[in-house]
Structure formats: structure tokens, C-alpha cells
Amino acid sequence: MSDDLIIVVLMIFMALTGVAIARLHNLFAVVMLTGIFSLLGAAAYVVLDAVDVAFTEAAVGAGVSTVLMLGTLALTNSEEKPAPPRNMLAALAVVSITGAVLIYGTLDMPHFGDPNAPIHHHVVPRYLNDSGTEIGVPNVVTSVLASYRGYDTLGETFVVFTAAVGVLAILGRVRRPKRRDERAQTTEQTSDEGNS
């Protein structure tokens, strides 16, 4: 099976998973499908020879994010509340126009795997030939992630850290009884005292 066919199959599965996520109201099932979506994305990155990105997607997307969402579900309902009626045609129009603009923006890009693409003539040779002397790290992937695109890596780390802190802040709150329960208890105590 060729790599192109594998990518097409994975993209079809990802699209079907995305549609299922949008249609489901059970939040536990949505969390599980989101993890599956991330694993499918990681598999696609492996086929595209981006193993470092695949590892990050599997660890963060399918691992950490799933655990954080399950922790959040422990404090919420497992069913999504019904949304108010809305104009579906307007939403479809916005999504279609945005998708068309994004596709239009890719028309002048080089074809996938094109050996004459600029990245193969300028960026990749410099990383392979000069990263050892410029950065001092023998591993090219490490030098790219830690130096050439270090701000991007720092941003990704900051996003994951912020998400973890947010979820831990939510999970760390003490659950207080609802005000209705407090009022009901106060009313019962008052009526008991009045009867005696």
C-alpha cells in the first residue's frame, strides 16, 4: 500500500471522527473520539516521516489532553446541554467560505514531495550541513526544535502548561453545596423550630 493511499485513508477516518465528535452529545464519548482523532493524526505524521511531531501529537493530543478532559468531566455532567436553535445555513456558509479561502491559499504551493520545492534547496541543506557548527548539537532534530524554532517550541510548551494549570485549578476547587440545598435546609430548620 502506497503512502498516498495510507494518508487518504487516515484523512477519511479523521473526517468521520470529526463528524462524529460534532454530532455526539455524550461528552465521555467525545473525549474518547478526540483521543482517537489525535492518534490518527499521529499515524499520519509517521507516514509523512515527521516522527517528532507524531510523538508530540500522541503524547499531548491523545495522552495529556485526554487525561485533562476526563478530569474536567469528573466535575461536570456527562451529557451536553441542548443548544438553542440557530441558523445552520449561516454557519455552513461561513465554514464553506473559510475552507475555500484556505484551499485557494494553497494553490501556489509546491506539490507534495516536489524535489524542486524551496525547502529542499535552502532550508534543509543548511540545517543538515550547518546545524552542528551553528548550534553545537549533533542531533539535527534537537537543534531545529531547541534553537531554530525554539520560540515555537516554547509557545507549544506554554500552551500545554497553561491548559494543565487551568484544569488543575478547576479540579482543585472544593465542591460547595448548591444554594438551593442550603436554603431548603434553612427552611426546614426554621419550620422545625416553629413547630416546637
C-alpha atoms as a PDB file:
ATOM      1  CA  MET A   1       0.000   0.000   0.000  1.00  0.00           C
ATOM      2  CA  SER A   2       1.488   3.349  -1.032  1.00  0.00           C
ATOM      3  CA  ASP A   3       1.993   6.231   1.380  1.00  0.00           C
ATOM      4  CA  ASP A   4      -0.507   8.393  -0.510  1.00  0.00           C
ATOM      5  CA  LEU A   5      -3.253   5.790  -0.128  1.00  0.00           C
ATOM      6  CA  ILE A   6      -2.493   5.415   3.596  1.00  0.00           C
ATOM      7  CA  ILE A   7      -2.723   9.195   4.057  1.00  0.00           C
ATOM      8  CA  VAL A   8      -6.052   9.313   2.185  1.00  0.00           C
ATOM      9  CA  VAL A   9      -7.474   6.502   4.341  1.00  0.00           C
ATOM     10  CA  LEU A  10      -6.272   8.197   7.543  1.00  0.00           C
ATOM     11  CA  MET A  11      -7.772  11.526   6.443  1.00  0.00           C
ATOM     12  CA  ILE A  12     -11.115   9.839   5.719  1.00  0.00           C
ATOM     13  CA  PHE A  13     -11.092   8.256   9.193  1.00  0.00           C
ATOM     14  CA  MET A  14     -10.183  11.637  10.722  1.00  0.00           C
ATOM     15  CA  ALA A  15     -13.043  13.331   8.863  1.00  0.00           C
ATOM     16  CA  LEU A  16     -15.519  10.665  10.014  1.00  0.00           C
ATOM     17  CA  THR A  17     -14.246  11.008  13.589  1.00  0.00           C
ATOM     18  CA  GLY A  18     -14.629  14.796  13.403  1.00  0.00           C
ATOM     19  CA  VAL A  19     -18.219  14.472  12.182  1.00  0.00           C
ATOM     20  CA  ALA A  20     -18.981  12.008  14.996  1.00  0.00           C
ATOM     21  CA  ILE A  21     -17.454  14.411  17.560  1.00  0.00           C
ATOM     22  CA  ALA A  22     -19.650  17.235  16.276  1.00  0.00           C
ATOM     23  CA  ARG A  23     -22.818  15.102  16.345  1.00  0.00           C
ATOM     24  CA  LEU A  24     -22.479  13.370  19.719  1.00  0.00           C
ATOM     25  CA  HIS A  25     -23.924  14.785  22.950  1.00  0.00           C
ATOM     26  CA  ASN A  26     -22.250  12.306  25.322  1.00  0.00           C
ATOM     27  CA  LEU A  27     -19.141  14.154  26.488  1.00  0.00           C
ATOM     28  CA  PHE A  28     -17.291  10.995  27.555  1.00  0.00           C
ATOM     29  CA  ALA A  29     -17.641   9.595  24.026  1.00  0.00           C
ATOM     30  CA  VAL A  30     -16.482  12.946  22.633  1.00  0.00           C
ATOM     31  CA  VAL A  31     -13.337  12.841  24.791  1.00  0.00           C
ATOM     32  CA  MET A  32     -12.556   9.285  23.658  1.00  0.00           C
ATOM     33  CA  LEU A  33     -13.108  10.182  19.992  1.00  0.00           C
ATOM     34  CA  THR A  34     -10.881  13.237  20.390  1.00  0.00           C
ATOM     35  CA  GLY A  35      -8.102  10.942  21.603  1.00  0.00           C
ATOM     36  CA  ILE A  36      -8.693   8.653  18.602  1.00  0.00           C
ATOM     37  CA  PHE A  37      -8.544  11.694  16.301  1.00  0.00           C
ATOM     38  CA  SER A  38      -5.148  12.615  17.779  1.00  0.00           C
ATOM     39  CA  LEU A  39      -3.850   9.074  17.326  1.00  0.00           C
ATOM     40  CA  LEU A  40      -4.953   9.095  13.689  1.00  0.00           C
ATOM     41  CA  GLY A  41      -3.145  12.416  13.248  1.00  0.00           C
ATOM     42  CA  ALA A  42      -0.025  10.953  14.854  1.00  0.00           C
ATOM     43  CA  ALA A  43      -0.194   7.983  12.462  1.00  0.00           C
ATOM     44  CA  ALA A  44      -0.442  10.394   9.518  1.00  0.00           C
ATOM     45  CA  TYR A  45       2.643  12.271  10.755  1.00  0.00           C
ATOM     46  CA  VAL A  46       4.567   8.985  10.987  1.00  0.00           C
ATOM     47  CA  VAL A  47       3.670   8.182   7.363  1.00  0.00           C
ATOM     48  CA  LEU A  48       4.874  11.680   6.402  1.00  0.00           C
ATOM     49  CA  ASP A  49       8.224  10.973   8.165  1.00  0.00           C
ATOM     50  CA  ALA A  50       7.594  13.608  10.851  1.00  0.00           C
ATOM     51  CA  VAL A  51       8.165  11.254  13.761  1.00  0.00           C
ATOM     52  CA  ASP A  52       8.964  14.041  16.255  1.00  0.00           C
ATOM     53  CA  VAL A  53       5.651  15.762  15.513  1.00  0.00           C
ATOM     54  CA  ALA A  54       3.863  12.387  15.679  1.00  0.00           C
ATOM     55  CA  PHE A  55       5.351  11.736  19.114  1.00  0.00           C
ATOM     56  CA  THR A  56       4.214  15.154  20.351  1.00  0.00           C
ATOM     57  CA  GLU A  57       0.718  14.655  18.916  1.00  0.00           C
ATOM     58  CA  ALA A  58       0.382  11.234  20.533  1.00  0.00           C
ATOM     59  CA  ALA A  59       1.734  12.394  23.903  1.00  0.00           C
ATOM     60  CA  VAL A  60      -0.084  15.726  24.129  1.00  0.00           C
ATOM     61  CA  GLY A  61      -3.161  15.206  21.934  1.00  0.00           C
ATOM     62  CA  ALA A  62      -4.055  11.645  22.851  1.00  0.00           C
ATOM     63  CA  GLY A  63      -2.382  11.441  26.256  1.00  0.00           C
ATOM     64  CA  VAL A  64      -2.278  14.632  28.294  1.00  0.00           C
ATOM     65  CA  SER A  65      -5.322  16.285  26.712  1.00  0.00           C
ATOM     66  CA  THR A  66      -7.461  13.179  27.194  1.00  0.00           C
ATOM     67  CA  VAL A  67      -6.482  12.914  30.864  1.00  0.00           C
ATOM     68  CA  LEU A  68      -7.186  16.619  31.434  1.00  0.00           C
ATOM     69  CA  MET A  69     -10.582  16.407  29.721  1.00  0.00           C
ATOM     70  CA  LEU A  70     -11.518  13.293  31.714  1.00  0.00           C
ATOM     71  CA  GLY A  71     -10.551  15.136  34.891  1.00  0.00           C
ATOM     72  CA  THR A  72     -12.756  18.037  33.874  1.00  0.00           C
ATOM     73  CA  LEU A  73     -15.623  15.635  33.127  1.00  0.00           C
ATOM     74  CA  ALA A  74     -15.412  14.418  36.719  1.00  0.00           C
ATOM     75  CA  LEU A  75     -16.740  17.837  37.789  1.00  0.00           C
ATOM     76  CA  THR A  76     -19.361  18.279  35.088  1.00  0.00           C
ATOM     77  CA  ASN A  77     -22.279  16.432  33.553  1.00  0.00           C
ATOM     78  CA  SER A  78     -21.588  13.695  31.050  1.00  0.00           C
ATOM     79  CA  GLU A  79     -24.259  14.972  28.664  1.00  0.00           C
ATOM     80  CA  GLU A  80     -24.096  18.193  26.700  1.00  0.00           C
ATOM     81  CA  LYS A  81     -26.961  20.595  27.337  1.00  0.00           C
ATOM     82  CA  PRO A  82     -29.164  21.101  24.280  1.00  0.00           C
ATOM     83  CA  ALA A  83     -28.107  24.184  22.360  1.00  0.00           C
ATOM     84  CA  PRO A  84     -30.648  26.864  21.455  1.00  0.00           C
ATOM     85  CA  PRO A  85     -31.878  26.785  17.852  1.00  0.00           C
ATOM     86  CA  ARG A  86     -29.527  28.519  15.469  1.00  0.00           C
ATOM     87  CA  ASN A  87     -29.174  29.280  11.812  1.00  0.00           C
ATOM     88  CA  MET A  88     -27.326  26.274  10.389  1.00  0.00           C
ATOM     89  CA  LEU A  89     -27.150  27.704   6.863  1.00  0.00           C
ATOM     90  CA  ALA A  90     -25.210  30.755   8.047  1.00  0.00           C
ATOM     91  CA  ALA A  91     -22.718  28.534   9.892  1.00  0.00           C
ATOM     92  CA  LEU A  92     -22.354  26.295   6.823  1.00  0.00           C
ATOM     93  CA  ALA A  93     -21.766  29.348   4.621  1.00  0.00           C
ATOM     94  CA  VAL A  94     -19.045  30.706   6.941  1.00  0.00           C
ATOM     95  CA  VAL A  95     -17.284  27.330   7.109  1.00  0.00           C
ATOM     96  CA  SER A  96     -17.516  26.843   3.324  1.00  0.00           C
ATOM     97  CA  ILE A  97     -16.142  30.305   2.553  1.00  0.00           C
ATOM     98  CA  THR A  98     -13.302  29.874   5.055  1.00  0.00           C
ATOM     99  CA  GLY A  99     -12.441  26.473   3.598  1.00  0.00           C
ATOM    100  CA  ALA A 100     -12.466  27.853   0.046  1.00  0.00           C
ATOM    101  CA  VAL A 101     -10.126  30.706   1.042  1.00  0.00           C
ATOM    102  CA  LEU A 102      -7.743  28.255   2.747  1.00  0.00           C
ATOM    103  CA  ILE A 103      -7.713  25.961  -0.292  1.00  0.00           C
ATOM    104  CA  TYR A 104      -7.137  28.960  -2.576  1.00  0.00           C
ATOM    105  CA  GLY A 105      -4.151  29.916  -0.423  1.00  0.00           C
ATOM    106  CA  THR A 106      -2.518  26.523  -1.085  1.00  0.00           C
ATOM    107  CA  LEU A 107      -2.832  26.579  -4.887  1.00  0.00           C
ATOM    108  CA  ASP A 108       0.561  28.219  -5.452  1.00  0.00           C
ATOM    109  CA  MET A 109       2.378  25.894  -3.054  1.00  0.00           C
ATOM    110  CA  PRO A 110       4.722  23.234  -4.480  1.00  0.00           C
ATOM    111  CA  HIS A 111       3.245  19.775  -4.899  1.00  0.00           C
ATOM    112  CA  PHE A 112       3.671  17.314  -2.048  1.00  0.00           C
ATOM    113  CA  GLY A 113       7.122  15.714  -2.233  1.00  0.00           C
ATOM    114  CA  ASP A 114       8.325  18.028  -5.021  1.00  0.00           C
ATOM    115  CA  PRO A 115      12.154  17.820  -5.030  1.00  0.00           C
ATOM    116  CA  ASN A 116      12.333  21.321  -6.520  1.00  0.00           C
ATOM    117  CA  ALA A 117      10.475  22.910  -3.591  1.00  0.00           C
ATOM    118  CA  PRO A 118      12.418  25.766  -1.950  1.00  0.00           C
ATOM    119  CA  ILE A 119      12.647  23.923   1.359  1.00  0.00           C
ATOM    120  CA  HIS A 120      14.807  21.233  -0.275  1.00  0.00           C
ATOM    121  CA  HIS A 121      17.232  23.789  -1.732  1.00  0.00           C
ATOM    122  CA  HIS A 122      17.658  26.331   1.062  1.00  0.00           C
ATOM    123  CA  VAL A 123      16.363  25.289   4.481  1.00  0.00           C
ATOM    124  CA  VAL A 124      17.047  21.554   4.721  1.00  0.00           C
ATOM    125  CA  PRO A 125      20.644  21.669   3.382  1.00  0.00           C
ATOM    126  CA  ARG A 126      21.505  24.454   5.815  1.00  0.00           C
ATOM    127  CA  TYR A 127      20.070  22.534   8.771  1.00  0.00           C
ATOM    128  CA  LEU A 128      21.854  19.329   7.769  1.00  0.00           C
ATOM    129  CA  ASN A 129      25.213  20.949   6.957  1.00  0.00           C
ATOM    130  CA  ASP A 130      25.480  23.867   9.395  1.00  0.00           C
ATOM    131  CA  SER A 131      23.445  22.995  12.495  1.00  0.00           C
ATOM    132  CA  GLY A 132      26.353  21.141  14.101  1.00  0.00           C
ATOM    133  CA  THR A 133      28.649  24.173  13.884  1.00  0.00           C
ATOM    134  CA  GLU A 134      25.999  26.887  14.407  1.00  0.00           C
ATOM    135  CA  ILE A 135      24.220  25.282  17.346  1.00  0.00           C
ATOM    136  CA  GLY A 136      26.768  22.799  18.644  1.00  0.00           C
ATOM    137  CA  VAL A 137      24.256  19.960  18.963  1.00  0.00           C
ATOM    138  CA  PRO A 138      24.986  16.807  16.929  1.00  0.00           C
ATOM    139  CA  ASN A 139      21.298  15.840  16.556  1.00  0.00           C
ATOM    140  CA  VAL A 140      19.675  17.900  13.778  1.00  0.00           C
ATOM    141  CA  VAL A 141      16.117  17.419  15.081  1.00  0.00           C
ATOM    142  CA  THR A 142      17.117  18.641  18.534  1.00  0.00           C
ATOM    143  CA  SER A 143      18.891  21.684  17.117  1.00  0.00           C
ATOM    144  CA  VAL A 144      15.856  22.575  14.990  1.00  0.00           C
ATOM    145  CA  LEU A 145      13.380  22.177  17.855  1.00  0.00           C
ATOM    146  CA  ALA A 146      15.523  23.838  20.518  1.00  0.00           C
ATOM    147  CA  SER A 147      17.137  26.631  18.525  1.00  0.00           C
ATOM    148  CA  TYR A 148      15.941  27.399  15.001  1.00  0.00           C
ATOM    149  CA  ARG A 149      12.296  27.144  16.007  1.00  0.00           C
ATOM    150  CA  GLY A 150      12.823  27.488  19.747  1.00  0.00           C
ATOM    151  CA  TYR A 151      10.166  30.189  20.178  1.00  0.00           C
ATOM    152  CA  ASP A 152       7.608  27.913  18.526  1.00  0.00           C
ATOM    153  CA  THR A 153       8.553  25.051  20.847  1.00  0.00           C
ATOM    154  CA  LEU A 154       8.393  27.406  23.837  1.00  0.00           C
ATOM    155  CA  GLY A 155       4.923  28.533  22.731  1.00  0.00           C
ATOM    156  CA  GLU A 156       3.707  24.943  22.453  1.00  0.00           C
ATOM    157  CA  THR A 157       5.079  24.170  25.914  1.00  0.00           C
ATOM    158  CA  PHE A 158       3.415  27.279  27.337  1.00  0.00           C
ATOM    159  CA  VAL A 159       0.045  26.277  25.833  1.00  0.00           C
ATOM    160  CA  VAL A 160       0.223  22.785  27.347  1.00  0.00           C
ATOM    161  CA  PHE A 161       1.359  24.212  30.710  1.00  0.00           C
ATOM    162  CA  THR A 162      -1.479  26.753  30.737  1.00  0.00           C
ATOM    163  CA  ALA A 163      -4.050  24.063  29.919  1.00  0.00           C
ATOM    164  CA  ALA A 164      -2.726  21.839  32.704  1.00  0.00           C
ATOM    165  CA  VAL A 165      -2.772  24.689  35.245  1.00  0.00           C
ATOM    166  CA  GLY A 166      -6.315  25.626  34.227  1.00  0.00           C
ATOM    167  CA  VAL A 167      -7.620  22.100  34.631  1.00  0.00           C
ATOM    168  CA  LEU A 168      -5.793  21.630  37.931  1.00  0.00           C
ATOM    169  CA  ALA A 169      -7.313  24.887  39.164  1.00  0.00           C
ATOM    170  CA  ILE A 170     -10.770  23.586  38.242  1.00  0.00           C
ATOM    171  CA  LEU A 171     -10.155  20.185  39.834  1.00  0.00           C
ATOM    172  CA  GLY A 172      -8.658  21.748  42.961  1.00  0.00           C
ATOM    173  CA  ARG A 173     -11.772  23.737  43.851  1.00  0.00           C
ATOM    174  CA  VAL A 174     -13.741  22.430  46.801  1.00  0.00           C
ATOM    175  CA  ARG A 175     -17.258  21.494  45.769  1.00  0.00           C
ATOM    176  CA  ARG A 176     -19.682  23.503  47.826  1.00  0.00           C
ATOM    177  CA  PRO A 177     -23.342  22.540  48.243  1.00  0.00           C
ATOM    178  CA  LYS A 178     -25.738  24.338  45.987  1.00  0.00           C
ATOM    179  CA  ARG A 179     -27.513  27.382  47.376  1.00  0.00           C
ATOM    180  CA  ARG A 180     -30.890  25.715  46.885  1.00  0.00           C
ATOM    181  CA  ASP A 181     -29.869  22.906  49.223  1.00  0.00           C
ATOM    182  CA  GLU A 182     -28.688  25.443  51.804  1.00  0.00           C
ATOM    183  CA  ARG A 183     -31.983  27.347  51.542  1.00  0.00           C
ATOM    184  CA  ALA A 184     -34.004  24.128  51.859  1.00  0.00           C
ATOM    185  CA  GLN A 185     -32.079  23.127  54.979  1.00  0.00           C
ATOM    186  CA  THR A 186     -32.537  26.602  56.479  1.00  0.00           C
ATOM    187  CA  THR A 187     -36.288  26.478  55.729  1.00  0.00           C
ATOM    188  CA  GLU A 188     -36.598  23.013  57.302  1.00  0.00           C
ATOM    189  CA  GLN A 189     -34.740  24.134  60.414  1.00  0.00           C
ATOM    190  CA  THR A 190     -36.935  27.243  60.732  1.00  0.00           C
ATOM    191  CA  SER A 191     -40.122  25.220  60.360  1.00  0.00           C
ATOM    192  CA  ASP A 192     -38.879  22.648  62.907  1.00  0.00           C
ATOM    193  CA  GLU A 193     -38.112  25.407  65.413  1.00  0.00           C
ATOM    194  CA  GLY A 194     -41.563  26.999  64.782  1.00  0.00           C
ATOM    195  CA  ASN A 195     -43.331  23.675  65.371  1.00  0.00           C
ATOM    196  CA  SER A 196     -41.543  23.079  68.656  1.00  0.00           C
END
